[in-house]
Amino acid sequence: MDKRSLEQLAGRFRAAEARTEILRQELAAAIRQADADGVLQKDVCEATGYTRQQVRRIVKAADSDHDDQSAGSPQNND
């Protein structure tokens, strides 16, 4: 394998990593929406292949992000 071929393959790999991150974020958002819509955690696990613990972490991470944003928001007391 020559240097140019290796660089091309490495570039394709980096592009795939970027696409994977985007899809991971989209899936996490869909899991949070399913939770908000009342979809059973069992069904989310079956559809995604994630464990219940993974699903709980994704949902809980969104809750703590929301709490952090609310706590950091300045209040207008006028």
PDB file of N, CA and C in Angstrom:
ATOM      1  N   MET A   1       0.858  -1.173   0.000  1.00  0.00           N
ATOM      2  CA  MET A   1       0.000   0.000   0.000  1.00  0.00           C
ATOM      3  C   MET A   1       0.902   1.234   0.000  1.00  0.00           C
ATOM      4  N   ASP A   2       0.568   2.183  -0.862  1.00  0.00           N
ATOM      5  CA  ASP A   2       1.368   3.395  -0.930  1.00  0.00           C
ATOM      6  C   ASP A   2       0.750   4.491  -0.045  1.00  0.00           C
ATOM      7  N   LYS A   3       1.488   5.571   0.124  1.00  0.00           N
ATOM      8  CA  LYS A   3       1.074   6.650   1.010  1.00  0.00           C
ATOM      9  C   LYS A   3      -0.243   7.274   0.561  1.00  0.00           C
ATOM     10  N   ARG A   4      -0.409   7.476  -0.730  1.00  0.00           N
ATOM     11  CA  ARG A   4      -1.630   8.110  -1.232  1.00  0.00           C
ATOM     12  C   ARG A   4      -2.864   7.246  -0.935  1.00  0.00           C
ATOM     13  N   SER A   5      -2.750   5.951  -1.137  1.00  0.00           N
ATOM     14  CA  SER A   5      -3.864   5.043  -0.840  1.00  0.00           C
ATOM     15  C   SER A   5      -4.191   5.051   0.645  1.00  0.00           C
ATOM     16  N   LEU A   6      -3.159   5.066   1.462  1.00  0.00           N
ATOM     17  CA  LEU A   6      -3.358   5.107   2.905  1.00  0.00           C
ATOM     18  C   LEU A   6      -4.045   6.405   3.320  1.00  0.00           C
ATOM     19  N   GLU A   7      -3.646   7.536   2.739  1.00  0.00           N
ATOM     20  CA  GLU A   7      -4.273   8.821   3.041  1.00  0.00           C
ATOM     21  C   GLU A   7      -5.741   8.827   2.630  1.00  0.00           C
ATOM     22  N   GLN A   8      -6.039   8.249   1.468  1.00  0.00           N
ATOM     23  CA  GLN A   8      -7.429   8.184   1.011  1.00  0.00           C
ATOM     24  C   GLN A   8      -8.278   7.346   1.954  1.00  0.00           C
ATOM     25  N   LEU A   9      -7.752   6.216   2.364  1.00  0.00           N
ATOM     26  CA  LEU A   9      -8.477   5.351   3.285  1.00  0.00           C
ATOM     27  C   LEU A   9      -8.679   6.033   4.637  1.00  0.00           C
ATOM     28  N   ALA A  10      -7.645   6.712   5.116  1.00  0.00           N
ATOM     29  CA  ALA A  10      -7.761   7.432   6.391  1.00  0.00           C
ATOM     30  C   ALA A  10      -8.802   8.544   6.274  1.00  0.00           C
ATOM     31  N   GLY A  11      -8.845   9.221   5.149  1.00  0.00           N
ATOM     32  CA  GLY A  11      -9.847  10.267   4.925  1.00  0.00           C
ATOM     33  C   GLY A  11     -11.255   9.711   4.919  1.00  0.00           C
ATOM     34  N   ARG A  12     -11.437   8.571   4.259  1.00  0.00           N
ATOM     35  CA  ARG A  12     -12.752   7.924   4.260  1.00  0.00           C
ATOM     36  C   ARG A  12     -13.163   7.517   5.668  1.00  0.00           C
ATOM     37  N   PHE A  13     -12.180   7.044   6.439  1.00  0.00           N
ATOM     38  CA  PHE A  13     -12.460   6.642   7.814  1.00  0.00           C
ATOM     39  C   PHE A  13     -12.901   7.841   8.651  1.00  0.00           C
ATOM     40  N   ARG A  14     -12.206   8.961   8.531  1.00  0.00           N
ATOM     41  CA  ARG A  14     -12.574  10.166   9.282  1.00  0.00           C
ATOM     42  C   ARG A  14     -13.961  10.665   8.882  1.00  0.00           C
ATOM     43  N   ALA A  15     -14.290  10.591   7.607  1.00  0.00           N
ATOM     44  CA  ALA A  15     -15.621  10.997   7.142  1.00  0.00           C
ATOM     45  C   ALA A  15     -16.695  10.075   7.727  1.00  0.00           C
ATOM     46  N   ALA A  16     -16.403   8.786   7.789  1.00  0.00           N
ATOM     47  CA  ALA A  16     -17.349   7.839   8.368  1.00  0.00           C
ATOM     48  C   ALA A  16     -17.538   8.103   9.859  1.00  0.00           C
ATOM     49  N   GLU A  17     -16.457   8.458  10.548  1.00  0.00           N
ATOM     50  CA  GLU A  17     -16.569   8.803  11.970  1.00  0.00           C
ATOM     51  C   GLU A  17     -17.475  10.011  12.165  1.00  0.00           C
ATOM     52  N   ALA A  18     -17.339  11.007  11.317  1.00  0.00           N
ATOM     53  CA  ALA A  18     -18.170  12.214  11.418  1.00  0.00           C
ATOM     54  C   ALA A  18     -19.635  11.863  11.173  1.00  0.00           C
ATOM     55  N   ARG A  19     -19.906  11.049  10.166  1.00  0.00           N
ATOM     56  CA  ARG A  19     -21.289  10.636   9.893  1.00  0.00           C
ATOM     57  C   ARG A  19     -21.844   9.823  11.056  1.00  0.00           C
ATOM     58  N   THR A  20     -21.017   8.972  11.636  1.00  0.00           N
ATOM     59  CA  THR A  20     -21.443   8.154  12.770  1.00  0.00           C
ATOM     60  C   THR A  20     -21.830   9.034  13.951  1.00  0.00           C
ATOM     61  N   GLU A  21     -21.062  10.070  14.223  1.00  0.00           N
ATOM     62  CA  GLU A  21     -21.375  10.976  15.336  1.00  0.00           C
ATOM     63  C   GLU A  21     -22.704  11.682  15.096  1.00  0.00           C
ATOM     64  N   ILE A  22     -22.940  12.122  13.882  1.00  0.00           N
ATOM     65  CA  ILE A  22     -24.208  12.784  13.554  1.00  0.00           C
ATOM     66  C   ILE A  22     -25.374  11.818  13.760  1.00  0.00           C
ATOM     67  N   LEU A  23     -25.224  10.591  13.272  1.00  0.00           N
ATOM     68  CA  LEU A  23     -26.280   9.597  13.430  1.00  0.00           C
ATOM     69  C   LEU A  23     -26.494   9.226  14.893  1.00  0.00           C
ATOM     70  N   ARG A  24     -25.416   9.181  15.667  1.00  0.00           N
ATOM     71  CA  ARG A  24     -25.539   8.876  17.103  1.00  0.00           C
ATOM     72  C   ARG A  24     -26.370   9.945  17.793  1.00  0.00           C
ATOM     73  N   GLN A  25     -26.109  11.208  17.450  1.00  0.00           N
ATOM     74  CA  GLN A  25     -26.870  12.306  18.037  1.00  0.00           C
ATOM     75  C   GLN A  25     -28.335  12.268  17.605  1.00  0.00           C
ATOM     76  N   GLU A  26     -28.573  11.934  16.332  1.00  0.00           N
ATOM     77  CA  GLU A  26     -29.954  11.826  15.844  1.00  0.00           C
ATOM     78  C   GLU A  26     -30.695  10.696  16.552  1.00  0.00           C
ATOM     79  N   LEU A  27     -30.028   9.569  16.747  1.00  0.00           N
ATOM     80  CA  LEU A  27     -30.649   8.442  17.447  1.00  0.00           C
ATOM     81  C   LEU A  27     -30.937   8.806  18.900  1.00  0.00           C
ATOM     82  N   ALA A  28     -30.022   9.489  19.551  1.00  0.00           N
ATOM     83  CA  ALA A  28     -30.245   9.907  20.941  1.00  0.00           C
ATOM     84  C   ALA A  28     -31.450  10.839  21.025  1.00  0.00           C
ATOM     85  N   ALA A  29     -31.571  11.763  20.077  1.00  0.00           N
ATOM     86  CA  ALA A  29     -32.726  12.671  20.061  1.00  0.00           C
ATOM     87  C   ALA A  29     -34.015  11.890  19.839  1.00  0.00           C
ATOM     88  N   ALA A  30     -33.974  10.886  18.966  1.00  0.00           N
ATOM     89  CA  ALA A  30     -35.159  10.064  18.716  1.00  0.00           C
ATOM     90  C   ALA A  30     -35.534   9.251  19.955  1.00  0.00           C
ATOM     91  N   ILE A  31     -34.541   8.772  20.686  1.00  0.00           N
ATOM     92  CA  ILE A  31     -34.807   8.028  21.922  1.00  0.00           C
ATOM     93  C   ILE A  31     -35.455   8.946  22.948  1.00  0.00           C
ATOM     94  N   ARG A  32     -34.932  10.164  23.079  1.00  0.00           N
ATOM     95  CA  ARG A  32     -35.529  11.118  24.019  1.00  0.00           C
ATOM     96  C   ARG A  32     -36.961  11.465  23.613  1.00  0.00           C
ATOM     97  N   GLN A  33     -37.211  11.611  22.316  1.00  0.00           N
ATOM     98  CA  GLN A  33     -38.560  11.913  21.851  1.00  0.00           C
ATOM     99  C   GLN A  33     -39.492  10.736  22.115  1.00  0.00           C
ATOM    100  N   ALA A  34     -39.015   9.532  21.880  1.00  0.00           N
ATOM    101  CA  ALA A  34     -39.823   8.344  22.155  1.00  0.00           C
ATOM    102  C   ALA A  34     -40.179   8.276  23.635  1.00  0.00           C
ATOM    103  N   ASP A  35     -39.214   8.594  24.495  1.00  0.00           N
ATOM    104  CA  ASP A  35     -39.477   8.619  25.932  1.00  0.00           C
ATOM    105  C   ASP A  35     -40.540   9.665  26.265  1.00  0.00           C
ATOM    106  N   ALA A  36     -40.413  10.837  25.672  1.00  0.00           N
ATOM    107  CA  ALA A  36     -41.396  11.905  25.917  1.00  0.00           C
ATOM    108  C   ALA A  36     -42.782  11.515  25.400  1.00  0.00           C
ATOM    109  N   ASP A  37     -42.810  10.720  24.342  1.00  0.00           N
ATOM    110  CA  ASP A  37     -44.083  10.285  23.751  1.00  0.00           C
ATOM    111  C   ASP A  37     -44.684   9.088  24.485  1.00  0.00           C
ATOM    112  N   GLY A  38     -43.971   8.572  25.469  1.00  0.00           N
ATOM    113  CA  GLY A  38     -44.485   7.467  26.269  1.00  0.00           C
ATOM    114  C   GLY A  38     -44.213   6.087  25.702  1.00  0.00           C
ATOM    115  N   VAL A  39     -43.286   5.963  24.772  1.00  0.00           N
ATOM    116  CA  VAL A  39     -42.923   4.647  24.241  1.00  0.00           C
ATOM    117  C   VAL A  39     -42.254   3.851  25.359  1.00  0.00           C
ATOM    118  N   LEU A  40     -42.632   2.612  25.488  1.00  0.00           N
ATOM    119  CA  LEU A  40     -42.062   1.772  26.533  1.00  0.00           C
ATOM    120  C   LEU A  40     -40.564   1.594  26.316  1.00  0.00           C
ATOM    121  N   GLN A  41     -39.824   1.635  27.429  1.00  0.00           N
ATOM    122  CA  GLN A  41     -38.373   1.471  27.356  1.00  0.00           C
ATOM    123  C   GLN A  41     -38.004   0.132  26.718  1.00  0.00           C
ATOM    124  N   LYS A  42     -38.794  -0.889  26.988  1.00  0.00           N
ATOM    125  CA  LYS A  42     -38.573  -2.212  26.398  1.00  0.00           C
ATOM    126  C   LYS A  42     -38.615  -2.122  24.871  1.00  0.00           C
ATOM    127  N   ASP A  43     -39.565  -1.364  24.345  1.00  0.00           N
ATOM    128  CA  ASP A  43     -39.689  -1.219  22.895  1.00  0.00           C
ATOM    129  C   ASP A  43     -38.527  -0.420  22.306  1.00  0.00           C
ATOM    130  N   VAL A  44     -38.070   0.593  23.034  1.00  0.00           N
ATOM    131  CA  VAL A  44     -36.913   1.368  22.583  1.00  0.00           C
ATOM    132  C   VAL A  44     -35.683   0.463  22.510  1.00  0.00           C
ATOM    133  N   CYS A  45     -35.516  -0.375  23.519  1.00  0.00           N
ATOM    134  CA  CYS A  45     -34.382  -1.300  23.556  1.00  0.00           C
ATOM    135  C   CYS A  45     -34.440  -2.288  22.399  1.00  0.00           C
ATOM    136  N   GLU A  46     -35.616  -2.813  22.126  1.00  0.00           N
ATOM    137  CA  GLU A  46     -35.758  -3.765  21.022  1.00  0.00           C
ATOM    138  C   GLU A  46     -35.457  -3.106  19.680  1.00  0.00           C
ATOM    139  N   ALA A  47     -35.914  -1.875  19.515  1.00  0.00           N
ATOM    140  CA  ALA A  47     -35.740  -1.182  18.239  1.00  0.00           C
ATOM    141  C   ALA A  47     -34.289  -0.764  18.003  1.00  0.00           C
ATOM    142  N   THR A  48     -33.589  -0.397  19.072  1.00  0.00           N
ATOM    143  CA  THR A  48     -32.243   0.155  18.918  1.00  0.00           C
ATOM    144  C   THR A  48     -31.128  -0.845  19.171  1.00  0.00           C
ATOM    145  N   GLY A  49     -31.430  -1.885  19.935  1.00  0.00           N
ATOM    146  CA  GLY A  49     -30.377  -2.820  20.331  1.00  0.00           C
ATOM    147  C   GLY A  49     -29.607  -2.336  21.545  1.00  0.00           C
ATOM    148  N   TYR A  50     -30.029  -1.200  22.110  1.00  0.00           N
ATOM    149  CA  TYR A  50     -29.392  -0.679  23.309  1.00  0.00           C
ATOM    150  C   TYR A  50     -29.948  -1.400  24.534  1.00  0.00           C
ATOM    151  N   THR A  51     -29.171  -1.394  25.608  1.00  0.00           N
ATOM    152  CA  THR A  51     -29.647  -1.942  26.871  1.00  0.00           C
ATOM    153  C   THR A  51     -30.517  -0.899  27.559  1.00  0.00           C
ATOM    154  N   ARG A  52     -31.270  -1.335  28.547  1.00  0.00           N
ATOM    155  CA  ARG A  52     -32.099  -0.392  29.311  1.00  0.00           C
ATOM    156  C   ARG A  52     -31.231   0.663  29.995  1.00  0.00           C
ATOM    157  N   GLN A  53     -30.074   0.235  30.460  1.00  0.00           N
ATOM    158  CA  GLN A  53     -29.163   1.177  31.112  1.00  0.00           C
ATOM    159  C   GLN A  53     -28.705   2.251  30.126  1.00  0.00           C
ATOM    160  N   GLN A  54     -28.377   1.850  28.897  1.00  0.00           N
ATOM    161  CA  GLN A  54     -27.958   2.828  27.894  1.00  0.00           C
ATOM    162  C   GLN A  54     -29.087   3.813  27.594  1.00  0.00           C
ATOM    163  N   VAL A  55     -30.309   3.303  27.467  1.00  0.00           N
ATOM    164  CA  VAL A  55     -31.458   4.166  27.184  1.00  0.00           C
ATOM    165  C   VAL A  55     -31.679   5.128  28.344  1.00  0.00           C
ATOM    166  N   ARG A  56     -31.599   4.638  29.569  1.00  0.00           N
ATOM    167  CA  ARG A  56     -31.768   5.519  30.745  1.00  0.00           C
ATOM    168  C   ARG A  56     -30.714   6.622  30.754  1.00  0.00           C
ATOM    169  N   ARG A  57     -29.477   6.270  30.430  1.00  0.00           N
ATOM    170  CA  ARG A  57     -28.407   7.275  30.411  1.00  0.00           C
ATOM    171  C   ARG A  57     -28.688   8.359  29.372  1.00  0.00           C
ATOM    172  N   ILE A  58     -29.150   7.957  28.206  1.00  0.00           N
ATOM    173  CA  ILE A  58     -29.439   8.922  27.141  1.00  0.00           C
ATOM    174  C   ILE A  58     -30.558   9.861  27.572  1.00  0.00           C
ATOM    175  N   VAL A  59     -31.619   9.301  28.131  1.00  0.00           N
ATOM    176  CA  VAL A  59     -32.751  10.120  28.576  1.00  0.00           C
ATOM    177  C   VAL A  59     -32.333  11.013  29.739  1.00  0.00           C
ATOM    178  N   LYS A  60     -31.594  10.456  30.695  1.00  0.00           N
ATOM    179  CA  LYS A  60     -31.163  11.217  31.866  1.00  0.00           C
ATOM    180  C   LYS A  60     -30.199  12.330  31.467  1.00  0.00           C
ATOM    181  N   ALA A  61     -29.334  12.074  30.496  1.00  0.00           N
ATOM    182  CA  ALA A  61     -28.395  13.105  30.036  1.00  0.00           C
ATOM    183  C   ALA A  61     -29.151  14.309  29.496  1.00  0.00           C
ATOM    184  N   ALA A  62     -30.240  14.076  28.804  1.00  0.00           N
ATOM    185  CA  ALA A  62     -31.048  15.178  28.281  1.00  0.00           C
ATOM    186  C   ALA A  62     -31.689  15.946  29.431  1.00  0.00           C
ATOM    187  N   ASP A  63     -32.159  15.227  30.451  1.00  0.00           N
ATOM    188  CA  ASP A  63     -32.768  15.887  31.607  1.00  0.00           C
ATOM    189  C   ASP A  63     -31.755  16.760  32.329  1.00  0.00           C
ATOM    190  N   SER A  64     -30.535  16.262  32.532  1.00  0.00           N
ATOM    191  CA  SER A  64     -29.528  17.037  33.244  1.00  0.00           C
ATOM    192  C   SER A  64     -29.046  18.207  32.394  1.00  0.00           C
ATOM    193  N   ASP A  65     -28.983  18.048  31.063  1.00  0.00           N
ATOM    194  CA  ASP A  65     -28.631  19.168  30.179  1.00  0.00           C
ATOM    195  C   ASP A  65     -29.668  20.263  30.292  1.00  0.00           C
ATOM    196  N   HIS A  66     -30.942  19.877  30.345  1.00  0.00           N
ATOM    197  CA  HIS A  66     -32.029  20.858  30.457  1.00  0.00           C
ATOM    198  C   HIS A  66     -31.947  21.574  31.804  1.00  0.00           C
ATOM    199  N   ASP A  67     -31.668  20.827  32.869  1.00  0.00           N
ATOM    200  CA  ASP A  67     -31.547  21.423  34.198  1.00  0.00           C
ATOM    201  C   ASP A  67     -30.366  22.388  34.250  1.00  0.00           C
ATOM    202  N   ASP A  68     -29.241  22.016  33.637  1.00  0.00           N
ATOM    203  CA  ASP A  68     -28.063  22.876  33.613  1.00  0.00           C
ATOM    204  C   ASP A  68     -28.348  24.173  32.873  1.00  0.00           C
ATOM    205  N   GLN A  69     -29.059  24.104  31.772  1.00  0.00           N
ATOM    206  CA  GLN A  69     -29.381  25.295  30.995  1.00  0.00           C
ATOM    207  C   GLN A  69     -30.338  26.189  31.770  1.00  0.00           C
ATOM    208  N   SER A  70     -31.303  25.576  32.451  1.00  0.00           N
ATOM    209  CA  SER A  70     -32.257  26.365  33.226  1.00  0.00           C
ATOM    210  C   SER A  70     -31.566  27.062  34.388  1.00  0.00           C
ATOM    211  N   ALA A  71     -30.659  26.381  35.036  1.00  0.00           N
ATOM    212  CA  ALA A  71     -29.955  26.944  36.183  1.00  0.00           C
ATOM    213  C   ALA A  71     -29.024  28.077  35.749  1.00  0.00           C
ATOM    214  N   GLY A  72     -28.501  27.993  34.557  1.00  0.00           N
ATOM    215  CA  GLY A  72     -27.567  29.004  34.083  1.00  0.00           C
ATOM    216  C   GLY A  72     -28.232  30.193  33.409  1.00  0.00           C
ATOM    217  N   SER A  73     -29.529  30.117  33.215  1.00  0.00           N
ATOM    218  CA  SER A  73     -30.235  31.195  32.539  1.00  0.00           C
ATOM    219  C   SER A  73     -30.447  32.358  33.492  1.00  0.00           C
ATOM    220  N   PRO A  74     -30.110  33.576  33.044  1.00  0.00           N
ATOM    221  CA  PRO A  74     -30.367  34.736  33.898  1.00  0.00           C
ATOM    222  C   PRO A  74     -31.863  35.003  33.975  1.00  0.00           C
ATOM    223  N   GLN A  75     -32.303  35.405  35.143  1.00  0.00           N
ATOM    224  CA  GLN A  75     -33.725  35.719  35.317  1.00  0.00           C
ATOM    225  C   GLN A  75     -33.899  37.213  35.300  1.00  0.00           C
ATOM    226  N   ASN A  76     -34.971  37.634  34.683  1.00  0.00           N
ATOM    227  CA  ASN A  76     -35.305  39.049  34.631  1.00  0.00           C
ATOM    228  C   ASN A  76     -36.302  39.343  35.743  1.00  0.00           C
ATOM    229  N   ASN A  77     -35.883  40.076  36.743  1.00  0.00           N
ATOM    230  CA  ASN A  77     -36.728  40.363  37.911  1.00  0.00           C
ATOM    231  C   ASN A  77     -37.299  41.763  37.870  1.00  0.00           C
ATOM    232  N   ASP A  78     -37.440  42.328  36.685  1.00  0.00           N
ATOM    233  CA  ASP A  78     -37.991  43.703  36.573  1.00  0.00           C
ATOM    234  C   ASP A  78     -39.456  43.736  36.817  1.00  0.00           C
TER     235      ASP A  78
END
